[in-house]
Amino acid sequence: MCKHYPPCPSAEASDREAAQVLVSHPEQGWTLLCNGVLLFEDTGELLPSGEVVSPRRALAGLGS
C-alpha cells in the first residue's frame, strides 16, 4: 500500500504507528495511516485485517 521510500512499517509491524498520515480528522478522533491502520485518539487501532488493538492508556493516579 505504501509508496514512500523508505517504505512505511506494515500494519503487522510493532512500529506500525510510525507510518505517514494519509488523512487526519482530530475533530472526529481518528487518523488513517499509510499502511491502512486506523488510529484512534484513545490509542486504539483498527488494522486493515479487521483486527482491533485495544487502547493503551496509562491509568490515572499511578506514579512511576
Protein backbone atom coordinates (compact mmCIF):
# COMPACT_ATOMS: atom_id res chain seq x y z
CA MET A 1 0.00 0.00 0.00
CA CYS A 2 2.84 2.43 0.86
CA LYS A 3 4.56 4.28 -1.97
CA HIS A 4 7.09 6.13 0.22
CA TYR A 5 10.81 5.48 0.28
CA PRO A 6 11.85 4.04 2.60
CA PRO A 7 8.51 2.30 2.91
CA CYS A 8 6.37 2.82 5.99
CA PRO A 9 6.14 -0.03 8.52
CA SER A 10 3.50 -2.60 7.62
CA ALA A 11 0.24 -2.86 9.56
CA GLU A 12 1.60 -6.04 11.21
CA ALA A 13 4.86 -4.42 12.38
CA SER A 14 5.34 -3.43 16.01
CA ASP A 15 6.17 0.14 14.91
CA ARG A 16 3.10 0.44 12.61
CA GLU A 17 2.14 3.80 14.19
CA ALA A 18 5.26 5.35 12.61
CA ALA A 19 3.64 5.22 9.16
CA GLN A 20 2.85 8.52 7.46
CA VAL A 21 -0.56 10.11 7.92
CA LEU A 22 -2.86 9.98 4.89
CA VAL A 23 -5.98 11.52 6.43
CA SER A 24 -6.45 13.11 9.83
CA HIS A 25 -9.77 14.04 11.44
CA PRO A 26 -8.91 15.12 15.00
CA GLU A 27 -12.40 16.56 15.43
CA GLN A 28 -13.71 13.01 14.93
CA GLY A 29 -10.87 11.37 16.86
CA TRP A 30 -9.21 9.28 14.14
CA THR A 31 -6.27 9.20 11.73
CA LEU A 32 -5.71 6.94 8.72
CA LEU A 33 -2.08 5.90 8.26
CA CYS A 34 -0.34 4.98 5.01
CA ASN A 35 -0.25 1.30 5.98
CA GLY A 36 -4.06 1.16 6.31
CA VAL A 37 -4.14 1.38 10.11
CA LEU A 38 -6.95 3.47 11.55
CA LEU A 39 -5.56 5.09 14.68
CA PHE A 40 -7.96 6.50 17.28
CA GLU A 41 -7.24 9.33 19.72
CA ASP A 42 -7.59 6.94 22.69
CA THR A 43 -4.63 4.95 21.19
CA GLY A 44 -6.87 2.13 19.99
CA GLU A 45 -6.32 0.87 16.46
CA LEU A 46 -8.22 -0.90 13.71
CA LEU A 47 -5.93 -2.88 11.41
CA PRO A 48 -6.70 -3.46 7.71
CA SER A 49 -7.39 -7.13 8.52
CA GLY A 50 -10.25 -6.05 10.81
CA GLU A 51 -8.29 -6.85 13.97
CA VAL A 52 -8.91 -4.44 16.85
CA VAL A 53 -5.98 -3.30 19.00
CA SER A 54 -7.19 -2.14 22.42
CA PRO A 55 -6.21 1.31 23.71
CA ARG A 56 -3.01 1.54 25.74
CA ARG A 57 -3.88 4.38 28.06
CA ALA A 58 -1.95 4.98 31.28
CA LEU A 59 -4.00 4.58 34.41
CA ALA A 60 -4.63 7.83 36.28
CA GLY A 61 -3.08 8.14 39.71
CA LEU A 62 -0.29 5.63 39.18
CA GLY A 63 3.17 7.12 39.55
CA SER A 64 6.43 5.60 38.44
